[in-house]
Amino acid sequence: MPSPGDSHMSGLGCILSIVAGCFLLLGLIPLLGWLNWLTTLPISLLAALFSYQRMQAAPDDALARLGLIASVLIFAVGAFRLALGGGIL
C-alpha cells in the first residue's frame, strides 16, 4: 500500500519536468548548449524517476504519466541538441 507521501511524487515529477523544460529552452540558444549537461539532463532524469516510481504505485495517475512523458521528451530533445552542437555548443 502506498504511503500518503507518495502522492506528492507525481506532482514533484511534473514540476521538475517544467523546470527542465525551462532550462532546455535556455540551452537551445547558441553557445548555451553546455547548460543542458548541467541542468536539463539531470533534472529530466530525476523527474522521470519520480514519475515512474509513482506510476508503479498508482498506474492510473495522470499527473505521473504526464511528468514521465514530458521528462522523456525533454531529455530526448536536450540530448539531440547536444549531439548537434558536438556536446559543447
PDB file of N, CA and C in Angstrom:
ATOM      1  N   MET A   1       0.843  -1.178   0.000  1.00  0.00           N
ATOM      2  CA  MET A   1       0.000   0.000   0.000  1.00  0.00           C
ATOM      3  C   MET A   1       0.893   1.249   0.000  1.00  0.00           C
ATOM      4  N   PRO A   2       0.639   2.182  -0.915  1.00  0.00           N
ATOM      5  CA  PRO A   2       1.477   3.385  -0.974  1.00  0.00           C
ATOM      6  C   PRO A   2       1.265   4.272   0.238  1.00  0.00           C
ATOM      7  N   SER A   3       2.321   4.926   0.655  1.00  0.00           N
ATOM      8  CA  SER A   3       2.211   5.842   1.782  1.00  0.00           C
ATOM      9  C   SER A   3       1.601   7.163   1.306  1.00  0.00           C
ATOM     10  N   PRO A   4       1.057   7.956   2.224  1.00  0.00           N
ATOM     11  CA  PRO A   4       0.436   9.227   1.818  1.00  0.00           C
ATOM     12  C   PRO A   4       1.404  10.176   1.120  1.00  0.00           C
ATOM     13  N   GLY A   5       2.690  10.111   1.423  1.00  0.00           N
ATOM     14  CA  GLY A   5       3.659  10.993   0.795  1.00  0.00           C
ATOM     15  C   GLY A   5       3.920  10.653  -0.662  1.00  0.00           C
ATOM     16  N   ASP A   6       3.542   9.441  -1.084  1.00  0.00           N
ATOM     17  CA  ASP A   6       3.779   9.034  -2.459  1.00  0.00           C
ATOM     18  C   ASP A   6       2.969   9.839  -3.461  1.00  0.00           C
ATOM     19  N   SER A   7       1.843  10.384  -3.042  1.00  0.00           N
ATOM     20  CA  SER A   7       1.020  11.143  -3.974  1.00  0.00           C
ATOM     21  C   SER A   7       1.716  12.434  -4.409  1.00  0.00           C
ATOM     22  N   HIS A   8       2.667  12.887  -3.620  1.00  0.00           N
ATOM     23  CA  HIS A   8       3.411  14.096  -3.975  1.00  0.00           C
ATOM     24  C   HIS A   8       4.473  13.821  -5.030  1.00  0.00           C
ATOM     25  N   MET A   9       4.794  12.543  -5.231  1.00  0.00           N
ATOM     26  CA  MET A   9       5.826  12.193  -6.202  1.00  0.00           C
ATOM     27  C   MET A   9       5.409  12.581  -7.613  1.00  0.00           C
ATOM     28  N   SER A  10       4.138  12.421  -7.947  1.00  0.00           N
ATOM     29  CA  SER A  10       3.694  12.764  -9.294  1.00  0.00           C
ATOM     30  C   SER A  10       3.755  14.277  -9.512  1.00  0.00           C
ATOM     31  N   GLY A  11       3.367  15.035  -8.510  1.00  0.00           N
ATOM     32  CA  GLY A  11       3.448  16.490  -8.622  1.00  0.00           C
ATOM     33  C   GLY A  11       4.885  16.970  -8.711  1.00  0.00           C
ATOM     34  N   LEU A  12       5.759  16.362  -7.926  1.00  0.00           N
ATOM     35  CA  LEU A  12       7.165  16.726  -7.952  1.00  0.00           C
ATOM     36  C   LEU A  12       7.785  16.383  -9.307  1.00  0.00           C
ATOM     37  N   GLY A  13       7.420  15.227  -9.857  1.00  0.00           N
ATOM     38  CA  GLY A  13       7.925  14.846 -11.176  1.00  0.00           C
ATOM     39  C   GLY A  13       7.463  15.809 -12.255  1.00  0.00           C
ATOM     40  N   CYS A  14       6.226  16.250 -12.159  1.00  0.00           N
ATOM     41  CA  CYS A  14       5.682  17.190 -13.147  1.00  0.00           C
ATOM     42  C   CYS A  14       6.342  18.568 -13.017  1.00  0.00           C
ATOM     43  N   ILE A  15       6.540  19.024 -11.800  1.00  0.00           N
ATOM     44  CA  ILE A  15       7.188  20.322 -11.588  1.00  0.00           C
ATOM     45  C   ILE A  15       8.639  20.284 -12.070  1.00  0.00           C
ATOM     46  N   LEU A  16       9.343  19.198 -11.781  1.00  0.00           N
ATOM     47  CA  LEU A  16      10.721  19.076 -12.240  1.00  0.00           C
ATOM     48  C   LEU A  16      10.795  19.010 -13.764  1.00  0.00           C
ATOM     49  N   SER A  17       9.791  18.425 -14.394  1.00  0.00           N
ATOM     50  CA  SER A  17       9.747  18.405 -15.862  1.00  0.00           C
ATOM     51  C   SER A  17       9.598  19.819 -16.417  1.00  0.00           C
ATOM     52  N   ILE A  18       8.787  20.623 -15.775  1.00  0.00           N
ATOM     53  CA  ILE A  18       8.609  22.010 -16.206  1.00  0.00           C
ATOM     54  C   ILE A  18       9.913  22.790 -16.033  1.00  0.00           C
ATOM     55  N   VAL A  19      10.586  22.586 -14.906  1.00  0.00           N
ATOM     56  CA  VAL A  19      11.865  23.262 -14.665  1.00  0.00           C
ATOM     57  C   VAL A  19      12.890  22.838 -15.713  1.00  0.00           C
ATOM     58  N   ALA A  20      12.961  21.536 -15.990  1.00  0.00           N
ATOM     59  CA  ALA A  20      13.891  21.042 -17.006  1.00  0.00           C
ATOM     60  C   ALA A  20      13.548  21.620 -18.379  1.00  0.00           C
ATOM     61  N   GLY A  21      12.268  21.778 -18.669  1.00  0.00           N
ATOM     62  CA  GLY A  21      11.854  22.370 -19.936  1.00  0.00           C
ATOM     63  C   GLY A  21      12.284  23.821 -20.058  1.00  0.00           C
ATOM     64  N   CYS A  22      12.228  24.556 -18.952  1.00  0.00           N
ATOM     65  CA  CYS A  22      12.689  25.955 -18.975  1.00  0.00           C
ATOM     66  C   CYS A  22      14.190  26.020 -19.237  1.00  0.00           C
ATOM     67  N   PHE A  23      14.950  25.148 -18.588  1.00  0.00           N
ATOM     68  CA  PHE A  23      16.393  25.117 -18.843  1.00  0.00           C
ATOM     69  C   PHE A  23      16.698  24.641 -20.257  1.00  0.00           C
ATOM     70  N   LEU A  24      15.860  23.762 -20.794  1.00  0.00           N
ATOM     71  CA  LEU A  24      16.053  23.317 -22.175  1.00  0.00           C
ATOM     72  C   LEU A  24      15.897  24.483 -23.143  1.00  0.00           C
ATOM     73  N   LEU A  25      14.909  25.319 -22.907  1.00  0.00           N
ATOM     74  CA  LEU A  25      14.719  26.487 -23.770  1.00  0.00           C
ATOM     75  C   LEU A  25      15.934  27.412 -23.731  1.00  0.00           C
ATOM     76  N   LEU A  26      16.519  27.573 -22.547  1.00  0.00           N
ATOM     77  CA  LEU A  26      17.743  28.377 -22.455  1.00  0.00           C
ATOM     78  C   LEU A  26      18.901  27.688 -23.173  1.00  0.00           C
ATOM     79  N   GLY A  27      18.954  26.368 -23.074  1.00  0.00           N
ATOM     80  CA  GLY A  27      20.027  25.612 -23.705  1.00  0.00           C
ATOM     81  C   GLY A  27      19.926  25.557 -25.211  1.00  0.00           C
ATOM     82  N   LEU A  28      18.797  25.942 -25.772  1.00  0.00           N
ATOM     83  CA  LEU A  28      18.648  25.969 -27.229  1.00  0.00           C
ATOM     84  C   LEU A  28      19.307  27.194 -27.853  1.00  0.00           C
ATOM     85  N   ILE A  29      19.608  28.194 -27.032  1.00  0.00           N
ATOM     86  CA  ILE A  29      20.275  29.395 -27.522  1.00  0.00           C
ATOM     87  C   ILE A  29      21.705  29.021 -27.905  1.00  0.00           C
ATOM     88  N   PRO A  30      22.174  29.475 -29.068  1.00  0.00           N
ATOM     89  CA  PRO A  30      23.554  29.147 -29.467  1.00  0.00           C
ATOM     90  C   PRO A  30      24.574  29.551 -28.393  1.00  0.00           C
ATOM     91  N   LEU A  31      25.555  28.714 -28.213  1.00  0.00           N
ATOM     92  CA  LEU A  31      26.640  28.842 -27.240  1.00  0.00           C
ATOM     93  C   LEU A  31      26.196  28.604 -25.794  1.00  0.00           C
ATOM     94  N   LEU A  32      24.956  28.223 -25.578  1.00  0.00           N
ATOM     95  CA  LEU A  32      24.500  27.856 -24.233  1.00  0.00           C
ATOM     96  C   LEU A  32      24.117  26.375 -24.150  1.00  0.00           C
ATOM     97  N   GLY A  33      24.566  25.590 -25.113  1.00  0.00           N
ATOM     98  CA  GLY A  33      24.246  24.164 -25.118  1.00  0.00           C
ATOM     99  C   GLY A  33      24.838  23.427 -23.929  1.00  0.00           C
ATOM    100  N   TRP A  34      25.955  23.904 -23.399  1.00  0.00           N
ATOM    101  CA  TRP A  34      26.578  23.278 -22.236  1.00  0.00           C
ATOM    102  C   TRP A  34      25.643  23.280 -21.032  1.00  0.00           C
ATOM    103  N   LEU A  35      24.680  24.202 -21.040  1.00  0.00           N
ATOM    104  CA  LEU A  35      23.717  24.279 -19.943  1.00  0.00           C
ATOM    105  C   LEU A  35      22.887  23.002 -19.835  1.00  0.00           C
ATOM    106  N   ASN A  36      22.695  22.325 -20.960  1.00  0.00           N
ATOM    107  CA  ASN A  36      21.933  21.075 -20.949  1.00  0.00           C
ATOM    108  C   ASN A  36      22.624  19.999 -20.122  1.00  0.00           C
ATOM    109  N   TRP A  37      23.967  19.973 -20.146  1.00  0.00           N
ATOM    110  CA  TRP A  37      24.696  18.990 -19.347  1.00  0.00           C
ATOM    111  C   TRP A  37      24.456  19.205 -17.855  1.00  0.00           C
ATOM    112  N   LEU A  38      24.441  20.459 -17.436  1.00  0.00           N
ATOM    113  CA  LEU A  38      24.380  20.775 -16.010  1.00  0.00           C
ATOM    114  C   LEU A  38      22.971  20.786 -15.440  1.00  0.00           C
ATOM    115  N   THR A  39      21.992  21.112 -16.257  1.00  0.00           N
ATOM    116  CA  THR A  39      20.643  21.292 -15.707  1.00  0.00           C
ATOM    117  C   THR A  39      19.595  20.403 -16.368  1.00  0.00           C
ATOM    118  N   THR A  40      19.451  20.493 -17.673  1.00  0.00           N
ATOM    119  CA  THR A  40      18.340  19.840 -18.352  1.00  0.00           C
ATOM    120  C   THR A  40      18.364  18.328 -18.197  1.00  0.00           C
ATOM    121  N   LEU A  41      19.476  17.704 -18.527  1.00  0.00           N
ATOM    122  CA  LEU A  41      19.533  16.238 -18.494  1.00  0.00           C
ATOM    123  C   LEU A  41      19.394  15.671 -17.082  1.00  0.00           C
ATOM    124  N   PRO A  42      20.130  16.179 -16.081  1.00  0.00           N
ATOM    125  CA  PRO A  42      19.948  15.615 -14.736  1.00  0.00           C
ATOM    126  C   PRO A  42      18.556  15.847 -14.154  1.00  0.00           C
ATOM    127  N   ILE A  43      18.008  17.029 -14.368  1.00  0.00           N
ATOM    128  CA  ILE A  43      16.684  17.316 -13.806  1.00  0.00           C
ATOM    129  C   ILE A  43      15.619  16.476 -14.493  1.00  0.00           C
ATOM    130  N   SER A  44      15.724  16.294 -15.811  1.00  0.00           N
ATOM    131  CA  SER A  44      14.723  15.480 -16.502  1.00  0.00           C
ATOM    132  C   SER A  44      14.826  14.011 -16.101  1.00  0.00           C
ATOM    133  N   LEU A  45      16.033  13.519 -15.836  1.00  0.00           N
ATOM    134  CA  LEU A  45      16.172  12.145 -15.342  1.00  0.00           C
ATOM    135  C   LEU A  45      15.563  11.986 -13.957  1.00  0.00           C
ATOM    136  N   LEU A  46      15.763  12.975 -13.105  1.00  0.00           N
ATOM    137  CA  LEU A  46      15.175  12.940 -11.775  1.00  0.00           C
ATOM    138  C   LEU A  46      13.646  12.997 -11.844  1.00  0.00           C
ATOM    139  N   ALA A  47      13.125  13.821 -12.729  1.00  0.00           N
ATOM    140  CA  ALA A  47      11.671  13.916 -12.910  1.00  0.00           C
ATOM    141  C   ALA A  47      11.111  12.592 -13.422  1.00  0.00           C
ATOM    142  N   ALA A  48      11.816  11.964 -14.349  1.00  0.00           N
ATOM    143  CA  ALA A  48      11.361  10.676 -14.870  1.00  0.00           C
ATOM    144  C   ALA A  48      11.372   9.618 -13.772  1.00  0.00           C
ATOM    145  N   LEU A  49      12.386   9.648 -12.914  1.00  0.00           N
ATOM    146  CA  LEU A  49      12.463   8.694 -11.812  1.00  0.00           C
ATOM    147  C   LEU A  49      11.297   8.860 -10.851  1.00  0.00           C
ATOM    148  N   PHE A  50      11.010  10.089 -10.447  1.00  0.00           N
ATOM    149  CA  PHE A  50       9.891  10.331  -9.531  1.00  0.00           C
ATOM    150  C   PHE A  50       8.553   9.937 -10.165  1.00  0.00           C
ATOM    151  N   SER A  51       8.376  10.289 -11.418  1.00  0.00           N
ATOM    152  CA  SER A  51       7.112   9.967 -12.093  1.00  0.00           C
ATOM    153  C   SER A  51       6.964   8.464 -12.269  1.00  0.00           C
ATOM    154  N   TYR A  52       8.050   7.796 -12.608  1.00  0.00           N
ATOM    155  CA  TYR A  52       7.997   6.340 -12.793  1.00  0.00           C
ATOM    156  C   TYR A  52       7.688   5.626 -11.482  1.00  0.00           C
ATOM    157  N   GLN A  53       8.287   6.091 -10.390  1.00  0.00           N
ATOM    158  CA  GLN A  53       8.006   5.491  -9.088  1.00  0.00           C
ATOM    159  C   GLN A  53       6.533   5.638  -8.729  1.00  0.00           C
ATOM    160  N   ARG A  54       5.964   6.780  -9.010  1.00  0.00           N
ATOM    161  CA  ARG A  54       4.550   6.996  -8.708  1.00  0.00           C
ATOM    162  C   ARG A  54       3.670   6.147  -9.607  1.00  0.00           C
ATOM    163  N   MET A  55       4.070   5.978 -10.878  1.00  0.00           N
ATOM    164  CA  MET A  55       3.276   5.147 -11.780  1.00  0.00           C
ATOM    165  C   MET A  55       3.298   3.686 -11.357  1.00  0.00           C
ATOM    166  N   GLN A  56       4.365   3.248 -10.710  1.00  0.00           N
ATOM    167  CA  GLN A  56       4.415   1.876 -10.207  1.00  0.00           C
ATOM    168  C   GLN A  56       3.414   1.682  -9.074  1.00  0.00           C
ATOM    169  N   ALA A  57       3.245   2.698  -8.248  1.00  0.00           N
ATOM    170  CA  ALA A  57       2.313   2.612  -7.124  1.00  0.00           C
ATOM    171  C   ALA A  57       0.868   2.827  -7.564  1.00  0.00           C
ATOM    172  N   ALA A  58       0.654   3.747  -8.497  1.00  0.00           N
ATOM    173  CA  ALA A  58      -0.700   4.069  -8.965  1.00  0.00           C
ATOM    174  C   ALA A  58      -0.662   4.231 -10.484  1.00  0.00           C
ATOM    175  N   PRO A  59      -0.879   3.146 -11.244  1.00  0.00           N
ATOM    176  CA  PRO A  59      -0.762   3.212 -12.705  1.00  0.00           C
ATOM    177  C   PRO A  59      -1.751   4.155 -13.377  1.00  0.00           C
ATOM    178  N   ASP A  60      -2.817   4.530 -12.708  1.00  0.00           N
ATOM    179  CA  ASP A  60      -3.825   5.394 -13.325  1.00  0.00           C
ATOM    180  C   ASP A  60      -3.617   6.872 -13.006  1.00  0.00           C
ATOM    181  N   ASP A  61      -2.488   7.219 -12.399  1.00  0.00           N
ATOM    182  CA  ASP A  61      -2.199   8.615 -12.040  1.00  0.00           C
ATOM    183  C   ASP A  61      -1.812   9.389 -13.308  1.00  0.00           C
ATOM    184  N   ALA A  62      -2.690  10.266 -13.748  1.00  0.00           N
ATOM    185  CA  ALA A  62      -2.463  11.020 -14.990  1.00  0.00           C
ATOM    186  C   ALA A  62      -1.320  12.016 -14.848  1.00  0.00           C
ATOM    187  N   LEU A  63      -1.152  12.594 -13.672  1.00  0.00           N
ATOM    188  CA  LEU A  63      -0.084  13.559 -13.465  1.00  0.00           C
ATOM    189  C   LEU A  63       1.292  12.886 -13.544  1.00  0.00           C
ATOM    190  N   ALA A  64       1.381  11.676 -13.014  1.00  0.00           N
ATOM    191  CA  ALA A  64       2.638  10.925 -13.108  1.00  0.00           C
ATOM    192  C   ALA A  64       2.929  10.552 -14.560  1.00  0.00           C
ATOM    193  N   ARG A  65       1.903  10.174 -15.284  1.00  0.00           N
ATOM    194  CA  ARG A  65       2.082   9.837 -16.702  1.00  0.00           C
ATOM    195  C   ARG A  65       2.531  11.058 -17.497  1.00  0.00           C
ATOM    196  N   LEU A  66       1.928  12.205 -17.223  1.00  0.00           N
ATOM    197  CA  LEU A  66       2.313  13.445 -17.893  1.00  0.00           C
ATOM    198  C   LEU A  66       3.760  13.819 -17.570  1.00  0.00           C
ATOM    199  N   GLY A  67       4.145  13.711 -16.316  1.00  0.00           N
ATOM    200  CA  GLY A  67       5.510  14.015 -15.917  1.00  0.00           C
ATOM    201  C   GLY A  67       6.524  13.094 -16.566  1.00  0.00           C
ATOM    202  N   LEU A  68       6.188  11.804 -16.680  1.00  0.00           N
ATOM    203  CA  LEU A  68       7.099  10.847 -17.298  1.00  0.00           C
ATOM    204  C   LEU A  68       7.264  11.118 -18.783  1.00  0.00           C
ATOM    205  N   ILE A  69       6.166  11.334 -19.471  1.00  0.00           N
ATOM    206  CA  ILE A  69       6.235  11.601 -20.914  1.00  0.00           C
ATOM    207  C   ILE A  69       6.985  12.902 -21.183  1.00  0.00           C
ATOM    208  N   ALA A  70       6.680  13.943 -20.409  1.00  0.00           N
ATOM    209  CA  ALA A  70       7.335  15.232 -20.608  1.00  0.00           C
ATOM    210  C   ALA A  70       8.830  15.136 -20.340  1.00  0.00           C
ATOM    211  N   SER A  71       9.215  14.448 -19.278  1.00  0.00           N
ATOM    212  CA  SER A  71      10.638  14.375 -18.950  1.00  0.00           C
ATOM    213  C   SER A  71      11.413  13.551 -19.970  1.00  0.00           C
ATOM    214  N   VAL A  72      10.814  12.506 -20.502  1.00  0.00           N
ATOM    215  CA  VAL A  72      11.489  11.711 -21.534  1.00  0.00           C
ATOM    216  C   VAL A  72      11.647  12.537 -22.814  1.00  0.00           C
ATOM    217  N   LEU A  73      10.612  13.272 -23.184  1.00  0.00           N
ATOM    218  CA  LEU A  73      10.709  14.123 -24.370  1.00  0.00           C
ATOM    219  C   LEU A  73      11.744  15.237 -24.183  1.00  0.00           C
ATOM    220  N   ILE A  74      11.770  15.842 -23.018  1.00  0.00           N
ATOM    221  CA  ILE A  74      12.742  16.898 -22.741  1.00  0.00           C
ATOM    222  C   ILE A  74      14.155  16.340 -22.768  1.00  0.00           C
ATOM    223  N   PHE A  75      14.333  15.157 -22.188  1.00  0.00           N
ATOM    224  CA  PHE A  75      15.655  14.531 -22.225  1.00  0.00           C
ATOM    225  C   PHE A  75      16.083  14.250 -23.667  1.00  0.00           C
ATOM    226  N   ALA A  76      15.165  13.738 -24.478  1.00  0.00           N
ATOM    227  CA  ALA A  76      15.495  13.413 -25.872  1.00  0.00           C
ATOM    228  C   ALA A  76      15.861  14.663 -26.662  1.00  0.00           C
ATOM    229  N   VAL A  77      15.099  15.737 -26.498  1.00  0.00           N
ATOM    230  CA  VAL A  77      15.393  16.983 -27.216  1.00  0.00           C
ATOM    231  C   VAL A  77      16.723  17.568 -26.737  1.00  0.00           C
ATOM    232  N   GLY A  78      16.974  17.525 -25.428  1.00  0.00           N
ATOM    233  CA  GLY A  78      18.231  18.038 -24.900  1.00  0.00           C
ATOM    234  C   GLY A  78      19.427  17.230 -25.397  1.00  0.00           C
ATOM    235  N   ALA A  79      19.293  15.923 -25.432  1.00  0.00           N
ATOM    236  CA  ALA A  79      20.384  15.080 -25.932  1.00  0.00           C
ATOM    237  C   ALA A  79      20.605  15.304 -27.422  1.00  0.00           C
ATOM    238  N   PHE A  80      19.521  15.480 -28.167  1.00  0.00           N
ATOM    239  CA  PHE A  80      19.651  15.752 -29.601  1.00  0.00           C
ATOM    240  C   PHE A  80      20.336  17.091 -29.823  1.00  0.00           C
ATOM    241  N   ARG A  81      19.989  18.085 -29.040  1.00  0.00           N
ATOM    242  CA  ARG A  81      20.616  19.410 -29.138  1.00  0.00           C
ATOM    243  C   ARG A  81      22.103  19.321 -28.837  1.00  0.00           C
ATOM    244  N   LEU A  82      22.472  18.522 -27.846  1.00  0.00           N
ATOM    245  CA  LEU A  82      23.878  18.341 -27.527  1.00  0.00           C
ATOM    246  C   LEU A  82      24.605  17.620 -28.660  1.00  0.00           C
ATOM    247  N   ALA A  83      23.957  16.658 -29.285  1.00  0.00           N
ATOM    248  CA  ALA A  83      24.567  15.944 -30.400  1.00  0.00           C
ATOM    249  C   ALA A  83      24.809  16.880 -31.588  1.00  0.00           C
ATOM    250  N   LEU A  84      23.876  17.794 -31.822  1.00  0.00           N
ATOM    251  CA  LEU A  84      24.057  18.754 -32.918  1.00  0.00           C
ATOM    252  C   LEU A  84      25.216  19.699 -32.657  1.00  0.00           C
ATOM    253  N   GLY A  85      25.401  20.081 -31.412  1.00  0.00           N
ATOM    254  CA  GLY A  85      26.459  21.028 -31.082  1.00  0.00           C
ATOM    255  C   GLY A  85      27.767  20.373 -30.681  1.00  0.00           C
ATOM    256  N   GLY A  86      27.896  19.079 -30.907  1.00  0.00           N
ATOM    257  CA  GLY A  86      29.127  18.386 -30.557  1.00  0.00           C
ATOM    258  C   GLY A  86      29.302  18.214 -29.055  1.00  0.00           C
ATOM    259  N   GLY A  87      28.239  18.331 -28.298  1.00  0.00           N
ATOM    260  CA  GLY A  87      28.299  18.165 -26.859  1.00  0.00           C
ATOM    261  C   GLY A  87      28.713  19.394 -26.078  1.00  0.00           C
ATOM    262  N   ILE A  88      29.029  20.465 -26.779  1.00  0.00           N
ATOM    263  CA  ILE A  88      29.502  21.669 -26.085  1.00  0.00           C
ATOM    264  C   ILE A  88      28.653  22.884 -26.431  1.00  0.00           C
ATOM    265  N   LEU A  89      28.493  23.141 -27.723  1.00  0.00           N
ATOM    266  CA  LEU A  89      27.784  24.342 -28.163  1.00  0.00           C
ATOM    267  C   LEU A  89      26.315  24.169 -27.939  1.00  0.00           C
TER     268      LEU A  89
END
